[in-house]
């Protein structure tokens, strides 16, 4: 049972890595896919500003997180 689970997880991991690296054989070449999720959809400008200020600490940051 453990070997079967390990095999399933290994195949899933390989498929996921090939998809991320752009080497997936099932990838469509006729249409663009992915990149459709907006990570800031539910955030306001004030939420983002507050998160940046909280991440900088007492000094201003050289790079914005």
PDB file of N, CA and C in Angstrom:
ATOM      1  N   UNK A   1       0.816  -1.192   0.000  1.00  0.00           N
ATOM      2  CA  UNK A   1       0.000   0.000   0.000  1.00  0.00           C
ATOM      3  C   UNK A   1       0.864   1.263   0.000  1.00  0.00           C
ATOM      4  N   UNK A   2       1.923   1.254   0.799  1.00  0.00           N
ATOM      5  CA  UNK A   2       2.823   2.395   0.860  1.00  0.00           C
ATOM      6  C   UNK A   2       3.543   2.617  -0.462  1.00  0.00           C
ATOM      7  N   UNK A   3       3.932   1.518  -1.136  1.00  0.00           N
ATOM      8  CA  UNK A   3       4.626   1.637  -2.424  1.00  0.00           C
ATOM      9  C   UNK A   3       3.693   2.211  -3.486  1.00  0.00           C
ATOM     10  N   UNK A   4       2.441   1.827  -3.445  1.00  0.00           N
ATOM     11  CA  UNK A   4       1.462   2.346  -4.400  1.00  0.00           C
ATOM     12  C   UNK A   4       1.257   3.842  -4.190  1.00  0.00           C
ATOM     13  N   UNK A   5       1.121   4.266  -2.959  1.00  0.00           N
ATOM     14  CA  UNK A   5       0.951   5.681  -2.653  1.00  0.00           C
ATOM     15  C   UNK A   5       2.180   6.482  -3.085  1.00  0.00           C
ATOM     16  N   UNK A   6       3.359   5.952  -2.815  1.00  0.00           N
ATOM     17  CA  UNK A   6       4.591   6.621  -3.222  1.00  0.00           C
ATOM     18  C   UNK A   6       4.667   6.745  -4.738  1.00  0.00           C
ATOM     19  N   UNK A   7       4.262   5.711  -5.458  1.00  0.00           N
ATOM     20  CA  UNK A   7       4.266   5.734  -6.922  1.00  0.00           C
ATOM     21  C   UNK A   7       3.298   6.791  -7.453  1.00  0.00           C
ATOM     22  N   UNK A   8       2.117   6.874  -6.878  1.00  0.00           N
ATOM     23  CA  UNK A   8       1.118   7.860  -7.308  1.00  0.00           C
ATOM     24  C   UNK A   8       1.629   9.279  -7.051  1.00  0.00           C
ATOM     25  N   UNK A   9       2.187   9.506  -5.871  1.00  0.00           N
ATOM     26  CA  UNK A   9       2.711  10.829  -5.549  1.00  0.00           C
ATOM     27  C   UNK A   9       3.900  11.206  -6.433  1.00  0.00           C
ATOM     28  N   UNK A  10       4.738  10.241  -6.753  1.00  0.00           N
ATOM     29  CA  UNK A  10       5.884  10.514  -7.622  1.00  0.00           C
ATOM     30  C   UNK A  10       5.440  10.897  -9.021  1.00  0.00           C
ATOM     31  N   UNK A  11       4.472  10.174  -9.562  1.00  0.00           N
ATOM     32  CA  UNK A  11       3.962  10.500 -10.899  1.00  0.00           C
ATOM     33  C   UNK A  11       3.274  11.864 -10.913  1.00  0.00           C
ATOM     34  N   UNK A  12       2.534  12.182  -9.860  1.00  0.00           N
ATOM     35  CA  UNK A  12       1.893  13.494  -9.761  1.00  0.00           C
ATOM     36  C   UNK A  12       2.948  14.592  -9.706  1.00  0.00           C
ATOM     37  N   UNK A  13       3.988  14.376  -8.921  1.00  0.00           N
ATOM     38  CA  UNK A  13       5.061  15.351  -8.791  1.00  0.00           C
ATOM     39  C   UNK A  13       5.770  15.573 -10.131  1.00  0.00           C
ATOM     40  N   UNK A  14       6.049  14.525 -10.858  1.00  0.00           N
ATOM     41  CA  UNK A  14       6.690  14.639 -12.166  1.00  0.00           C
ATOM     42  C   UNK A  14       5.806  15.398 -13.146  1.00  0.00           C
ATOM     43  N   UNK A  15       4.506  15.091 -13.151  1.00  0.00           N
ATOM     44  CA  UNK A  15       3.580  15.777 -14.052  1.00  0.00           C
ATOM     45  C   UNK A  15       3.469  17.256 -13.700  1.00  0.00           C
ATOM     46  N   UNK A  16       3.428  17.571 -12.419  1.00  0.00           N
ATOM     47  CA  UNK A  16       3.328  18.960 -11.974  1.00  0.00           C
ATOM     48  C   UNK A  16       4.581  19.734 -12.370  1.00  0.00           C
ATOM     49  N   UNK A  17       5.758  19.145 -12.144  1.00  0.00           N
ATOM     50  CA  UNK A  17       7.016  19.812 -12.503  1.00  0.00           C
ATOM     51  C   UNK A  17       7.109  20.035 -14.003  1.00  0.00           C
ATOM     52  N   UNK A  18       6.717  19.063 -14.808  1.00  0.00           N
ATOM     53  CA  UNK A  18       6.793  19.237 -16.259  1.00  0.00           C
ATOM     54  C   UNK A  18       5.819  20.301 -16.737  1.00  0.00           C
ATOM     55  N   UNK A  19       4.685  20.424 -16.077  1.00  0.00           N
ATOM     56  CA  UNK A  19       3.725  21.461 -16.435  1.00  0.00           C
ATOM     57  C   UNK A  19       4.281  22.848 -16.114  1.00  0.00           C
ATOM     58  N   UNK A  20       4.901  22.997 -14.953  1.00  0.00           N
ATOM     59  CA  UNK A  20       5.469  24.278 -14.547  1.00  0.00           C
ATOM     60  C   UNK A  20       6.635  24.667 -15.458  1.00  0.00           C
ATOM     61  N   UNK A  21       7.450  23.694 -15.827  1.00  0.00           N
ATOM     62  CA  UNK A  21       8.624  23.968 -16.656  1.00  0.00           C
ATOM     63  C   UNK A  21       8.274  24.119 -18.132  1.00  0.00           C
ATOM     64  N   UNK A  22       7.019  23.870 -18.505  1.00  0.00           N
ATOM     65  CA  UNK A  22       6.604  24.012 -19.892  1.00  0.00           C
ATOM     66  C   UNK A  22       6.963  22.827 -20.749  1.00  0.00           C
ATOM     67  N   UNK A  23       7.171  21.683 -20.144  1.00  0.00           N
ATOM     68  CA  UNK A  23       7.568  20.482 -20.885  1.00  0.00           C
ATOM     69  C   UNK A  23       6.441  19.455 -20.968  1.00  0.00           C
ATOM     70  N   UNK A  24       5.250  19.831 -20.609  1.00  0.00           N
ATOM     71  CA  UNK A  24       4.120  18.908 -20.593  1.00  0.00           C
ATOM     72  C   UNK A  24       3.696  18.594 -22.021  1.00  0.00           C
ATOM     73  N   UNK A  25       3.551  17.320 -22.338  1.00  0.00           N
ATOM     74  CA  UNK A  25       3.169  16.905 -23.679  1.00  0.00           C
ATOM     75  C   UNK A  25       1.711  17.231 -23.986  1.00  0.00           C
ATOM     76  N   UNK A  26       0.885  17.377 -22.965  1.00  0.00           N
ATOM     77  CA  UNK A  26      -0.534  17.647 -23.164  1.00  0.00           C
ATOM     78  C   UNK A  26      -0.840  19.138 -23.233  1.00  0.00           C
ATOM     79  N   UNK A  27       0.192  19.986 -23.214  1.00  0.00           N
ATOM     80  CA  UNK A  27      -0.010  21.422 -23.238  1.00  0.00           C
ATOM     81  C   UNK A  27      -0.540  21.850 -24.605  1.00  0.00           C
ATOM     82  N   UNK A  28      -1.544  22.682 -24.580  1.00  0.00           N
ATOM     83  CA  UNK A  28      -2.153  23.161 -25.813  1.00  0.00           C
ATOM     84  C   UNK A  28      -1.245  24.172 -26.494  1.00  0.00           C
ATOM     85  N   UNK A  29      -1.111  24.055 -27.814  1.00  0.00           N
ATOM     86  CA  UNK A  29      -0.335  25.027 -28.583  1.00  0.00           C
ATOM     87  C   UNK A  29      -1.244  25.939 -29.388  1.00  0.00           C
ATOM     88  N   UNK A  30      -2.552  25.746 -29.242  1.00  0.00           N
ATOM     89  CA  UNK A  30      -3.491  26.548 -30.020  1.00  0.00           C
ATOM     90  C   UNK A  30      -4.140  27.659 -29.204  1.00  0.00           C
ATOM     91  N   UNK A  31      -3.948  27.652 -27.877  1.00  0.00           N
ATOM     92  CA  UNK A  31      -4.521  28.694 -27.047  1.00  0.00           C
ATOM     93  C   UNK A  31      -3.645  28.946 -25.828  1.00  0.00           C
ATOM     94  N   UNK A  32      -3.754  30.146 -25.291  1.00  0.00           N
ATOM     95  CA  UNK A  32      -3.004  30.510 -24.097  1.00  0.00           C
ATOM     96  C   UNK A  32      -3.798  30.057 -22.884  1.00  0.00           C
ATOM     97  N   UNK A  33      -3.109  29.452 -21.935  1.00  0.00           N
ATOM     98  CA  UNK A  33      -3.782  29.023 -20.713  1.00  0.00           C
ATOM     99  C   UNK A  33      -2.914  29.405 -19.526  1.00  0.00           C
ATOM    100  N   UNK A  34      -3.553  29.501 -18.369  1.00  0.00           N
ATOM    101  CA  UNK A  34      -2.828  29.859 -17.152  1.00  0.00           C
ATOM    102  C   UNK A  34      -2.717  31.357 -17.001  1.00  0.00           C
ATOM    103  N   UNK A  35      -2.249  31.778 -15.848  1.00  0.00           N
ATOM    104  CA  UNK A  35      -2.053  33.193 -15.584  1.00  0.00           C
ATOM    105  C   UNK A  35      -3.343  33.980 -15.472  1.00  0.00           C
ATOM    106  N   UNK A  36      -4.426  33.299 -15.179  1.00  0.00           N
ATOM    107  CA  UNK A  36      -5.720  33.970 -15.123  1.00  0.00           C
ATOM    108  C   UNK A  36      -6.147  34.336 -13.712  1.00  0.00           C
ATOM    109  N   UNK A  37      -5.358  34.010 -12.722  1.00  0.00           N
ATOM    110  CA  UNK A  37      -5.722  34.269 -11.334  1.00  0.00           C
ATOM    111  C   UNK A  37      -5.151  35.621 -10.920  1.00  0.00           C
ATOM    112  N   UNK A  38      -6.001  36.475 -10.410  1.00  0.00           N
ATOM    113  CA  UNK A  38      -5.567  37.778  -9.920  1.00  0.00           C
ATOM    114  C   UNK A  38      -5.318  37.665  -8.419  1.00  0.00           C
ATOM    115  N   UNK A  39      -4.054  37.700  -7.976  1.00  0.00           N
ATOM    116  CA  UNK A  39      -3.774  37.517  -6.549  1.00  0.00           C
ATOM    117  C   UNK A  39      -4.252  38.668  -5.680  1.00  0.00           C
ATOM    118  N   UNK A  40      -4.516  39.823  -6.265  1.00  0.00           N
ATOM    119  CA  UNK A  40      -4.935  40.992  -5.486  1.00  0.00           C
ATOM    120  C   UNK A  40      -6.423  41.292  -5.664  1.00  0.00           C
ATOM    121  N   UNK A  41      -7.175  40.322  -6.105  1.00  0.00           N
ATOM    122  CA  UNK A  41      -8.596  40.524  -6.408  1.00  0.00           C
ATOM    123  C   UNK A  41      -9.390  41.019  -5.201  1.00  0.00           C
ATOM    124  N   UNK A  42      -9.141  40.440  -4.035  1.00  0.00           N
ATOM    125  CA  UNK A  42      -9.921  40.797  -2.848  1.00  0.00           C
ATOM    126  C   UNK A  42      -9.218  41.814  -1.955  1.00  0.00           C
ATOM    127  N   UNK A  43      -8.121  42.405  -2.426  1.00  0.00           N
ATOM    128  CA  UNK A  43      -7.365  43.349  -1.608  1.00  0.00           C
ATOM    129  C   UNK A  43      -7.586  44.775  -2.090  1.00  0.00           C
ATOM    130  N   UNK A  44      -7.710  45.668  -1.138  1.00  0.00           N
ATOM    131  CA  UNK A  44      -7.800  47.081  -1.488  1.00  0.00           C
ATOM    132  C   UNK A  44      -6.391  47.673  -1.465  1.00  0.00           C
ATOM    133  N   UNK A  45      -6.262  48.877  -1.975  1.00  0.00           N
ATOM    134  CA  UNK A  45      -4.970  49.553  -1.940  1.00  0.00           C
ATOM    135  C   UNK A  45      -4.503  49.764  -0.503  1.00  0.00           C
ATOM    136  N   UNK A  46      -5.452  50.036   0.402  1.00  0.00           N
ATOM    137  CA  UNK A  46      -5.091  50.215   1.819  1.00  0.00           C
ATOM    138  C   UNK A  46      -4.563  48.917   2.422  1.00  0.00           C
ATOM    139  N   UNK A  47      -5.156  47.777   2.045  1.00  0.00           N
ATOM    140  CA  UNK A  47      -4.660  46.486   2.543  1.00  0.00           C
ATOM    141  C   UNK A  47      -3.221  46.256   2.093  1.00  0.00           C
ATOM    142  N   UNK A  48      -2.945  46.544   0.840  1.00  0.00           N
ATOM    143  CA  UNK A  48      -1.602  46.351   0.296  1.00  0.00           C
ATOM    144  C   UNK A  48      -0.617  47.309   0.958  1.00  0.00           C
ATOM    145  N   UNK A  49      -1.020  48.565   1.117  1.00  0.00           N
ATOM    146  CA  UNK A  49      -0.159  49.563   1.759  1.00  0.00           C
ATOM    147  C   UNK A  49       0.166  49.148   3.198  1.00  0.00           C
ATOM    148  N   UNK A  50      -0.830  48.669   3.927  1.00  0.00           N
ATOM    149  CA  UNK A  50      -0.623  48.232   5.311  1.00  0.00           C
ATOM    150  C   UNK A  50       0.312  47.038   5.367  1.00  0.00           C
ATOM    151  N   UNK A  51       0.154  46.079   4.464  1.00  0.00           N
ATOM    152  CA  UNK A  51       1.024  44.900   4.443  1.00  0.00           C
ATOM    153  C   UNK A  51       2.468  45.289   4.157  1.00  0.00           C
ATOM    154  N   UNK A  52       2.681  46.241   3.248  1.00  0.00           N
ATOM    155  CA  UNK A  52       4.039  46.700   2.942  1.00  0.00           C
ATOM    156  C   UNK A  52       4.641  47.407   4.141  1.00  0.00           C
ATOM    157  N   UNK A  53       3.850  48.260   4.806  1.00  0.00           N
ATOM    158  CA  UNK A  53       4.351  48.968   5.983  1.00  0.00           C
ATOM    159  C   UNK A  53       4.677  47.996   7.116  1.00  0.00           C
ATOM    160  N   UNK A  54       3.871  46.964   7.287  1.00  0.00           N
ATOM    161  CA  UNK A  54       4.130  45.979   8.334  1.00  0.00           C
ATOM    162  C   UNK A  54       5.370  45.144   8.017  1.00  0.00           C
ATOM    163  N   UNK A  55       5.647  44.930   6.733  1.00  0.00           N
ATOM    164  CA  UNK A  55       6.787  44.106   6.334  1.00  0.00           C
ATOM    165  C   UNK A  55       8.104  44.864   6.440  1.00  0.00           C
ATOM    166  N   UNK A  56       8.068  46.187   6.413  1.00  0.00           N
ATOM    167  CA  UNK A  56       9.308  46.954   6.423  1.00  0.00           C
ATOM    168  C   UNK A  56       9.921  47.098   7.800  1.00  0.00           C
ATOM    169  N   UNK A  57       9.136  47.042   8.833  1.00  0.00           N
ATOM    170  CA  UNK A  57       9.665  47.200  10.173  1.00  0.00           C
ATOM    171  C   UNK A  57       9.911  48.663  10.492  1.00  0.00           C
ATOM    172  N   UNK A  58      10.837  48.959  11.412  1.00  0.00           N
ATOM    173  CA  UNK A  58      11.059  50.346  11.837  1.00  0.00           C
ATOM    174  C   UNK A  58      11.788  51.196  10.790  1.00  0.00           C
ATOM    175  N   UNK A  59      12.502  50.564   9.864  1.00  0.00           N
ATOM    176  CA  UNK A  59      13.221  51.303   8.822  1.00  0.00           C
ATOM    177  C   UNK A  59      12.523  51.114   7.482  1.00  0.00           C
ATOM    178  N   UNK A  60      12.740  52.054   6.577  1.00  0.00           N
ATOM    179  CA  UNK A  60      12.165  51.887   5.247  1.00  0.00           C
ATOM    180  C   UNK A  60      12.919  50.793   4.506  1.00  0.00           C
ATOM    181  N   UNK A  61      12.195  50.075   3.671  1.00  0.00           N
ATOM    182  CA  UNK A  61      12.780  48.942   2.950  1.00  0.00           C
ATOM    183  C   UNK A  61      13.465  49.417   1.684  1.00  0.00           C
ATOM    184  N   UNK A  62      14.572  48.753   1.357  1.00  0.00           N
ATOM    185  CA  UNK A  62      15.249  49.045   0.106  1.00  0.00           C
ATOM    186  C   UNK A  62      14.448  48.480  -1.053  1.00  0.00           C
ATOM    187  N   UNK A  63      13.919  47.274  -0.856  1.00  0.00           N
ATOM    188  CA  UNK A  63      13.091  46.628  -1.869  1.00  0.00           C
ATOM    189  C   UNK A  63      11.695  46.434  -1.304  1.00  0.00           C
ATOM    190  N   UNK A  64      10.692  46.693  -2.119  1.00  0.00           N
ATOM    191  CA  UNK A  64       9.303  46.508  -1.690  1.00  0.00           C
ATOM    192  C   UNK A  64       8.997  45.018  -1.759  1.00  0.00           C
ATOM    193  N   UNK A  65       8.481  44.417  -0.690  1.00  0.00           N
ATOM    194  CA  UNK A  65       8.181  42.989  -0.707  1.00  0.00           C
ATOM    195  C   UNK A  65       7.042  42.657  -1.652  1.00  0.00           C
TER     196      UNK A  65
END
